Structures are given as C-alpha cells and as structure tokens.
Amino acid sequence: MLNNIGLPGILLIAIVVLVLFGRGKISNLMGEVGKGITSFKKGINEGQKELEEETATADEIKDVTPEAAEKNKA
C-alpha cells in the first residue's frame, strides 16, 4: 500500500502536518528528537568505555585462590 507513495505524496503529507501543527511545534519536536539522539549516542559511548575498562581490569585481576597462594609461597 505504501510502496507507491512517491514524492508528491510525501510533500502532501508534509504540508498537512505543517498546517495542523504549525512551524513552532514542529521545530520544538525536532529539537527534542535531536536531544534524544544525542543522549542515546552519549549513552552508547559511555557503555563502550565501561566495557573496555572492565576488560582491561579483568586482565589485571590476580588469582587469589588457596592453591595459587600456596604456589606463590613456594
């Protein structure tokens, strides 16, 4: 059904949305969408940094089991 929408259909929908909501509401909405995308990207980057830090510290963790402690004493 939506395969044949084309450029004229998209333009008509855009004009109807602009008339119904007005320029101010649409610009506010797009601003909020932009803030949401920015926040999402920031969260993804922070998550990746945390994973990299955990991986780096996991490599440095020492074995403290009793068998390892006895081997280190000898």
PDB file of N, CA and C in Angstrom:
ATOM      1  N   MET A   1       0.823  -1.192   0.000  1.00  0.00           N
ATOM      2  CA  MET A   1       0.000   0.000   0.000  1.00  0.00           C
ATOM      3  C   MET A   1       0.866   1.254   0.000  1.00  0.00           C
ATOM      4  N   LEU A   2       1.913   1.284   0.807  1.00  0.00           N
ATOM      5  CA  LEU A   2       2.769   2.462   0.874  1.00  0.00           C
ATOM      6  C   LEU A   2       3.909   2.425  -0.132  1.00  0.00           C
ATOM      7  N   ASN A   3       3.947   1.398  -0.973  1.00  0.00           N
ATOM      8  CA  ASN A   3       5.017   1.288  -1.957  1.00  0.00           C
ATOM      9  C   ASN A   3       4.915   2.355  -3.031  1.00  0.00           C
ATOM     10  N   ASN A   4       3.728   2.840  -3.328  1.00  0.00           N
ATOM     11  CA  ASN A   4       3.518   3.788  -4.413  1.00  0.00           C
ATOM     12  C   ASN A   4       3.272   5.203  -3.902  1.00  0.00           C
ATOM     13  N   ILE A   5       3.793   5.568  -2.736  1.00  0.00           N
ATOM     14  CA  ILE A   5       3.507   6.877  -2.163  1.00  0.00           C
ATOM     15  C   ILE A   5       4.207   7.984  -2.952  1.00  0.00           C
ATOM     16  N   GLY A   6       5.439   7.836  -3.301  1.00  0.00           N
ATOM     17  CA  GLY A   6       6.157   8.767  -4.150  1.00  0.00           C
ATOM     18  C   GLY A   6       6.397  10.126  -3.515  1.00  0.00           C
ATOM     19  N   LEU A   7       7.102  10.987  -4.264  1.00  0.00           N
ATOM     20  CA  LEU A   7       7.453  12.323  -3.795  1.00  0.00           C
ATOM     21  C   LEU A   7       6.230  13.221  -3.608  1.00  0.00           C
ATOM     22  N   PRO A   8       5.259  13.232  -4.538  1.00  0.00           N
ATOM     23  CA  PRO A   8       4.084  14.090  -4.323  1.00  0.00           C
ATOM     24  C   PRO A   8       3.298  13.714  -3.053  1.00  0.00           C
ATOM     25  N   GLY A   9       3.212  12.454  -2.763  1.00  0.00           N
ATOM     26  CA  GLY A   9       2.514  12.014  -1.566  1.00  0.00           C
ATOM     27  C   GLY A   9       3.227  12.459  -0.305  1.00  0.00           C
ATOM     28  N   ILE A  10       4.539  12.352  -0.302  1.00  0.00           N
ATOM     29  CA  ILE A  10       5.327  12.781   0.853  1.00  0.00           C
ATOM     30  C   ILE A  10       5.190  14.281   1.055  1.00  0.00           C
ATOM     31  N   LEU A  11       5.243  15.051  -0.027  1.00  0.00           N
ATOM     32  CA  LEU A  11       5.088  16.504   0.077  1.00  0.00           C
ATOM     33  C   LEU A  11       3.701  16.870   0.606  1.00  0.00           C
ATOM     34  N   LEU A  12       2.682  16.180   0.156  1.00  0.00           N
ATOM     35  CA  LEU A  12       1.329  16.441   0.641  1.00  0.00           C
ATOM     36  C   LEU A  12       1.214  16.156   2.133  1.00  0.00           C
ATOM     37  N   ILE A  13       1.785  15.065   2.570  1.00  0.00           N
ATOM     38  CA  ILE A  13       1.764  14.725   4.000  1.00  0.00           C
ATOM     39  C   ILE A  13       2.507  15.777   4.799  1.00  0.00           C
ATOM     40  N   ALA A  14       3.669  16.234   4.305  1.00  0.00           N
ATOM     41  CA  ALA A  14       4.446  17.256   4.998  1.00  0.00           C
ATOM     42  C   ALA A  14       3.660  18.560   5.114  1.00  0.00           C
ATOM     43  N   ILE A  15       2.968  18.953   4.075  1.00  0.00           N
ATOM     44  CA  ILE A  15       2.174  20.192   4.101  1.00  0.00           C
ATOM     45  C   ILE A  15       1.026  20.067   5.097  1.00  0.00           C
ATOM     46  N   VAL A  16       0.351  18.925   5.106  1.00  0.00           N
ATOM     47  CA  VAL A  16      -0.760  18.724   6.043  1.00  0.00           C
ATOM     48  C   VAL A  16      -0.254  18.766   7.484  1.00  0.00           C
ATOM     49  N   VAL A  17       0.872  18.131   7.767  1.00  0.00           N
ATOM     50  CA  VAL A  17       1.436  18.151   9.117  1.00  0.00           C
ATOM     51  C   VAL A  17       1.815  19.572   9.509  1.00  0.00           C
ATOM     52  N   LEU A  18       2.411  20.320   8.581  1.00  0.00           N
ATOM     53  CA  LEU A  18       2.798  21.697   8.856  1.00  0.00           C
ATOM     54  C   LEU A  18       1.579  22.570   9.153  1.00  0.00           C
ATOM     55  N   VAL A  19       0.525  22.384   8.413  1.00  0.00           N
ATOM     56  CA  VAL A  19      -0.695  23.170   8.644  1.00  0.00           C
ATOM     57  C   VAL A  19      -1.333  22.801   9.975  1.00  0.00           C
ATOM     58  N   LEU A  20      -1.380  21.526  10.305  1.00  0.00           N
ATOM     59  CA  LEU A  20      -2.034  21.086  11.535  1.00  0.00           C
ATOM     60  C   LEU A  20      -1.268  21.512  12.789  1.00  0.00           C
ATOM     61  N   PHE A  21       0.034  21.355  12.784  1.00  0.00           N
ATOM     62  CA  PHE A  21       0.805  21.591  13.993  1.00  0.00           C
ATOM     63  C   PHE A  21       1.498  22.939  14.032  1.00  0.00           C
ATOM     64  N   GLY A  22       1.755  23.542  12.917  1.00  0.00           N
ATOM     65  CA  GLY A  22       2.441  24.825  12.888  1.00  0.00           C
ATOM     66  C   GLY A  22       3.948  24.663  12.959  1.00  0.00           C
ATOM     67  N   ARG A  23       4.622  25.723  12.539  1.00  0.00           N
ATOM     68  CA  ARG A  23       6.091  25.666  12.463  1.00  0.00           C
ATOM     69  C   ARG A  23       6.731  25.562  13.840  1.00  0.00           C
ATOM     70  N   GLY A  24       6.183  26.263  14.833  1.00  0.00           N
ATOM     71  CA  GLY A  24       6.766  26.272  16.171  1.00  0.00           C
ATOM     72  C   GLY A  24       6.745  24.907  16.834  1.00  0.00           C
ATOM     73  N   LYS A  25       5.621  24.228  16.760  1.00  0.00           N
ATOM     74  CA  LYS A  25       5.510  22.895  17.376  1.00  0.00           C
ATOM     75  C   LYS A  25       6.450  21.904  16.710  1.00  0.00           C
ATOM     76  N   ILE A  26       6.530  21.973  15.384  1.00  0.00           N
ATOM     77  CA  ILE A  26       7.379  21.021  14.661  1.00  0.00           C
ATOM     78  C   ILE A  26       8.845  21.272  14.987  1.00  0.00           C
ATOM     79  N   SER A  27       9.264  22.555  15.071  1.00  0.00           N
ATOM     80  CA  SER A  27      10.673  22.830  15.391  1.00  0.00           C
ATOM     81  C   SER A  27      10.997  22.389  16.817  1.00  0.00           C
ATOM     82  N   ASN A  28      10.058  22.571  17.754  1.00  0.00           N
ATOM     83  CA  ASN A  28      10.268  22.086  19.124  1.00  0.00           C
ATOM     84  C   ASN A  28      10.393  20.563  19.149  1.00  0.00           C
ATOM     85  N   LEU A  29       9.545  19.912  18.402  1.00  0.00           N
ATOM     86  CA  LEU A  29       9.577  18.446  18.341  1.00  0.00           C
ATOM     87  C   LEU A  29      10.897  17.950  17.763  1.00  0.00           C
ATOM     88  N   MET A  30      11.356  18.575  16.692  1.00  0.00           N
ATOM     89  CA  MET A  30      12.627  18.163  16.085  1.00  0.00           C
ATOM     90  C   MET A  30      13.799  18.440  17.020  1.00  0.00           C
ATOM     91  N   GLY A  31      13.711  19.521  17.789  1.00  0.00           N
ATOM     92  CA  GLY A  31      14.750  19.804  18.777  1.00  0.00           C
ATOM     93  C   GLY A  31      14.818  18.719  19.833  1.00  0.00           C
ATOM     94  N   GLU A  32      13.668  18.274  20.302  1.00  0.00           N
ATOM     95  CA  GLU A  32      13.621  17.195  21.299  1.00  0.00           C
ATOM     96  C   GLU A  32      14.131  15.879  20.719  1.00  0.00           C
ATOM     97  N   VAL A  33      13.811  15.620  19.462  1.00  0.00           N
ATOM     98  CA  VAL A  33      14.304  14.404  18.808  1.00  0.00           C
ATOM     99  C   VAL A  33      15.830  14.458  18.720  1.00  0.00           C
ATOM    100  N   GLY A  34      16.368  15.621  18.366  1.00  0.00           N
ATOM    101  CA  GLY A  34      17.818  15.785  18.289  1.00  0.00           C
ATOM    102  C   GLY A  34      18.483  15.566  19.633  1.00  0.00           C
ATOM    103  N   LYS A  35      17.889  16.105  20.702  1.00  0.00           N
ATOM    104  CA  LYS A  35      18.439  15.912  22.048  1.00  0.00           C
ATOM    105  C   LYS A  35      18.409  14.434  22.432  1.00  0.00           C
ATOM    106  N   GLY A  36      17.338  13.762  22.070  1.00  0.00           N
ATOM    107  CA  GLY A  36      17.226  12.337  22.373  1.00  0.00           C
ATOM    108  C   GLY A  36      18.285  11.520  21.658  1.00  0.00           C
ATOM    109  N   ILE A  37      18.524  11.831  20.392  1.00  0.00           N
ATOM    110  CA  ILE A  37      19.548  11.112  19.624  1.00  0.00           C
ATOM    111  C   ILE A  37      20.921  11.358  20.221  1.00  0.00           C
ATOM    112  N   THR A  38      21.194  12.622  20.597  1.00  0.00           N
ATOM    113  CA  THR A  38      22.481  12.956  21.201  1.00  0.00           C
ATOM    114  C   THR A  38      22.675  12.205  22.516  1.00  0.00           C
ATOM    115  N   SER A  39      21.636  12.166  23.331  1.00  0.00           N
ATOM    116  CA  SER A  39      21.708  11.453  24.605  1.00  0.00           C
ATOM    117  C   SER A  39      21.924   9.955  24.387  1.00  0.00           C
ATOM    118  N   PHE A  40      21.258   9.402  23.396  1.00  0.00           N
ATOM    119  CA  PHE A  40      21.411   7.982  23.077  1.00  0.00           C
ATOM    120  C   PHE A  40      22.841   7.669  22.664  1.00  0.00           C
ATOM    121  N   LYS A  41      23.408   8.490  21.787  1.00  0.00           N
ATOM    122  CA  LYS A  41      24.789   8.275  21.341  1.00  0.00           C
ATOM    123  C   LYS A  41      25.757   8.401  22.511  1.00  0.00           C
ATOM    124  N   LYS A  42      25.520   9.369  23.395  1.00  0.00           N
ATOM    125  CA  LYS A  42      26.387   9.555  24.558  1.00  0.00           C
ATOM    126  C   LYS A  42      26.330   8.317  25.459  1.00  0.00           C
ATOM    127  N   GLY A  43      25.137   7.780  25.666  1.00  0.00           N
ATOM    128  CA  GLY A  43      24.976   6.579  26.480  1.00  0.00           C
ATOM    129  C   GLY A  43      25.687   5.383  25.876  1.00  0.00           C
ATOM    130  N   ILE A  44      25.607   5.232  24.564  1.00  0.00           N
ATOM    131  CA  ILE A  44      26.290   4.125  23.882  1.00  0.00           C
ATOM    132  C   ILE A  44      27.798   4.254  24.062  1.00  0.00           C
ATOM    133  N   ASN A  45      28.328   5.467  23.875  1.00  0.00           N
ATOM    134  CA  ASN A  45      29.780   5.672  24.022  1.00  0.00           C
ATOM    135  C   ASN A  45      30.230   5.393  25.445  1.00  0.00           C
ATOM    136  N   GLU A  46      29.461   5.837  26.437  1.00  0.00           N
ATOM    137  CA  GLU A  46      29.817   5.579  27.838  1.00  0.00           C
ATOM    138  C   GLU A  46      29.787   4.085  28.139  1.00  0.00           C
ATOM    139  N   GLY A  47      28.814   3.379  27.591  1.00  0.00           N
ATOM    140  CA  GLY A  47      28.728   1.935  27.789  1.00  0.00           C
ATOM    141  C   GLY A  47      29.924   1.214  27.196  1.00  0.00           C
ATOM    142  N   GLN A  48      30.358   1.645  26.014  1.00  0.00           N
ATOM    143  CA  GLN A  48      31.526   1.035  25.393  1.00  0.00           C
ATOM    144  C   GLN A  48      32.779   1.298  26.220  1.00  0.00           C
ATOM    145  N   LYS A  49      32.910   2.512  26.756  1.00  0.00           N
ATOM    146  CA  LYS A  49      34.066   2.842  27.584  1.00  0.00           C
ATOM    147  C   LYS A  49      34.085   1.984  28.844  1.00  0.00           C
ATOM    148  N   GLU A  50      32.926   1.789  29.468  1.00  0.00           N
ATOM    149  CA  GLU A  50      32.839   0.950  30.665  1.00  0.00           C
ATOM    150  C   GLU A  50      33.253  -0.484  30.360  1.00  0.00           C
ATOM    151  N   LEU A  51      32.788  -1.005  29.234  1.00  0.00           N
ATOM    152  CA  LEU A  51      33.157  -2.373  28.852  1.00  0.00           C
ATOM    153  C   LEU A  51      34.653  -2.494  28.610  1.00  0.00           C
ATOM    154  N   GLU A  52      35.246  -1.489  27.971  1.00  0.00           N
ATOM    155  CA  GLU A  52      36.685  -1.524  27.726  1.00  0.00           C
ATOM    156  C   GLU A  52      37.459  -1.464  29.044  1.00  0.00           C
ATOM    157  N   GLU A  53      36.991  -0.637  29.980  1.00  0.00           N
ATOM    158  CA  GLU A  53      37.650  -0.539  31.281  1.00  0.00           C
ATOM    159  C   GLU A  53      37.535  -1.848  32.057  1.00  0.00           C
ATOM    160  N   GLU A  54      36.356  -2.472  32.024  1.00  0.00           N
ATOM    161  CA  GLU A  54      36.163  -3.738  32.719  1.00  0.00           C
ATOM    162  C   GLU A  54      37.041  -4.826  32.119  1.00  0.00           C
ATOM    163  N   THR A  55      37.170  -4.823  30.805  1.00  0.00           N
ATOM    164  CA  THR A  55      38.018  -5.817  30.141  1.00  0.00           C
ATOM    165  C   THR A  55      39.474  -5.601  30.535  1.00  0.00           C
ATOM    166  N   ALA A  56      39.901  -4.341  30.603  1.00  0.00           N
ATOM    167  CA  ALA A  56      41.284  -4.044  30.967  1.00  0.00           C
ATOM    168  C   ALA A  56      41.566  -4.455  32.414  1.00  0.00           C
ATOM    169  N   THR A  57      40.626  -4.189  33.315  1.00  0.00           N
ATOM    170  CA  THR A  57      40.845  -4.562  34.716  1.00  0.00           C
ATOM    171  C   THR A  57      40.718  -6.064  34.912  1.00  0.00           C
ATOM    172  N   ALA A  58      39.905  -6.726  34.098  1.00  0.00           N
ATOM    173  CA  ALA A  58      39.752  -8.181  34.218  1.00  0.00           C
ATOM    174  C   ALA A  58      41.059  -8.880  33.861  1.00  0.00           C
ATOM    175  N   ASP A  59      41.815  -8.301  32.951  1.00  0.00           N
ATOM    176  CA  ASP A  59      43.101  -8.890  32.588  1.00  0.00           C
ATOM    177  C   ASP A  59      44.119  -8.746  33.714  1.00  0.00           C
ATOM    178  N   GLU A  60      43.958  -7.728  34.544  1.00  0.00           N
ATOM    179  CA  GLU A  60      44.910  -7.462  35.613  1.00  0.00           C
ATOM    180  C   GLU A  60      44.559  -8.159  36.928  1.00  0.00           C
ATOM    181  N   ILE A  61      43.404  -8.774  37.007  1.00  0.00           N
ATOM    182  CA  ILE A  61      42.971  -9.422  38.243  1.00  0.00           C
ATOM    183  C   ILE A  61      43.872 -10.613  38.546  1.00  0.00           C
ATOM    184  N   LYS A  62      44.317 -10.708  39.797  1.00  0.00           N
ATOM    185  CA  LYS A  62      45.203 -11.790  40.210  1.00  0.00           C
ATOM    186  C   LYS A  62      44.394 -12.951  40.757  1.00  0.00           C
ATOM    187  N   ASP A  63      44.935 -14.129  40.620  1.00  0.00           N
ATOM    188  CA  ASP A  63      44.305 -15.339  41.147  1.00  0.00           C
ATOM    189  C   ASP A  63      44.621 -15.435  42.635  1.00  0.00           C
ATOM    190  N   VAL A  64      43.586 -15.396  43.470  1.00  0.00           N
ATOM    191  CA  VAL A  64      43.794 -15.421  44.919  1.00  0.00           C
ATOM    192  C   VAL A  64      43.229 -16.687  45.556  1.00  0.00           C
ATOM    193  N   THR A  65      43.057 -17.727  44.757  1.00  0.00           N
ATOM    194  CA  THR A  65      42.565 -18.982  45.314  1.00  0.00           C
ATOM    195  C   THR A  65      43.646 -19.586  46.203  1.00  0.00           C
ATOM    196  N   PRO A  66      43.284 -20.431  47.171  1.00  0.00           N
ATOM    197  CA  PRO A  66      44.283 -21.023  48.088  1.00  0.00           C
ATOM    198  C   PRO A  66      45.385 -21.783  47.352  1.00  0.00           C
ATOM    199  N   GLU A  67      45.041 -22.491  46.258  1.00  0.00           N
ATOM    200  CA  GLU A  67      46.076 -23.224  45.528  1.00  0.00           C
ATOM    201  C   GLU A  67      47.098 -22.272  44.931  1.00  0.00           C
ATOM    202  N   ALA A  68      46.623 -21.147  44.396  1.00  0.00           N
ATOM    203  CA  ALA A  68      47.548 -20.180  43.791  1.00  0.00           C
ATOM    204  C   ALA A  68      48.413 -19.533  44.856  1.00  0.00           C
ATOM    205  N   ALA A  69      47.846 -19.275  46.040  1.00  0.00           N
ATOM    206  CA  ALA A  69      48.613 -18.668  47.121  1.00  0.00           C
ATOM    207  C   ALA A  69      49.715 -19.613  47.588  1.00  0.00           C
ATOM    208  N   GLU A  70      49.442 -20.911  47.663  1.00  0.00           N
ATOM    209  CA  GLU A  70      50.447 -21.887  48.079  1.00  0.00           C
ATOM    210  C   GLU A  70      51.569 -21.991  47.037  1.00  0.00           C
ATOM    211  N   LYS A  71      51.218 -21.900  45.771  1.00  0.00           N
ATOM    212  CA  LYS A  71      52.225 -21.967  44.708  1.00  0.00           C
ATOM    213  C   LYS A  71      53.135 -20.743  44.760  1.00  0.00           C
ATOM    214  N   ASN A  72      52.564 -19.586  45.081  1.00  0.00           N
ATOM    215  CA  ASN A  72      53.365 -18.356  45.160  1.00  0.00           C
ATOM    216  C   ASN A  72      54.313 -18.365  46.344  1.00  0.00           C
ATOM    217  N   LYS A  73      53.950 -19.054  47.450  1.00  0.00           N
ATOM    218  CA  LYS A  73      54.802 -19.125  48.639  1.00  0.00           C
ATOM    219  C   LYS A  73      56.027 -19.995  48.384  1.00  0.00           C
ATOM    220  N   ALA A  74      55.858 -21.013  47.566  1.00  0.00           N
ATOM    221  CA  ALA A  74      56.945 -21.977  47.356  1.00  0.00           C
ATOM    222  C   ALA A  74      58.035 -21.461  46.470  1.00  0.00           C
TER     223      ALA A  74
END
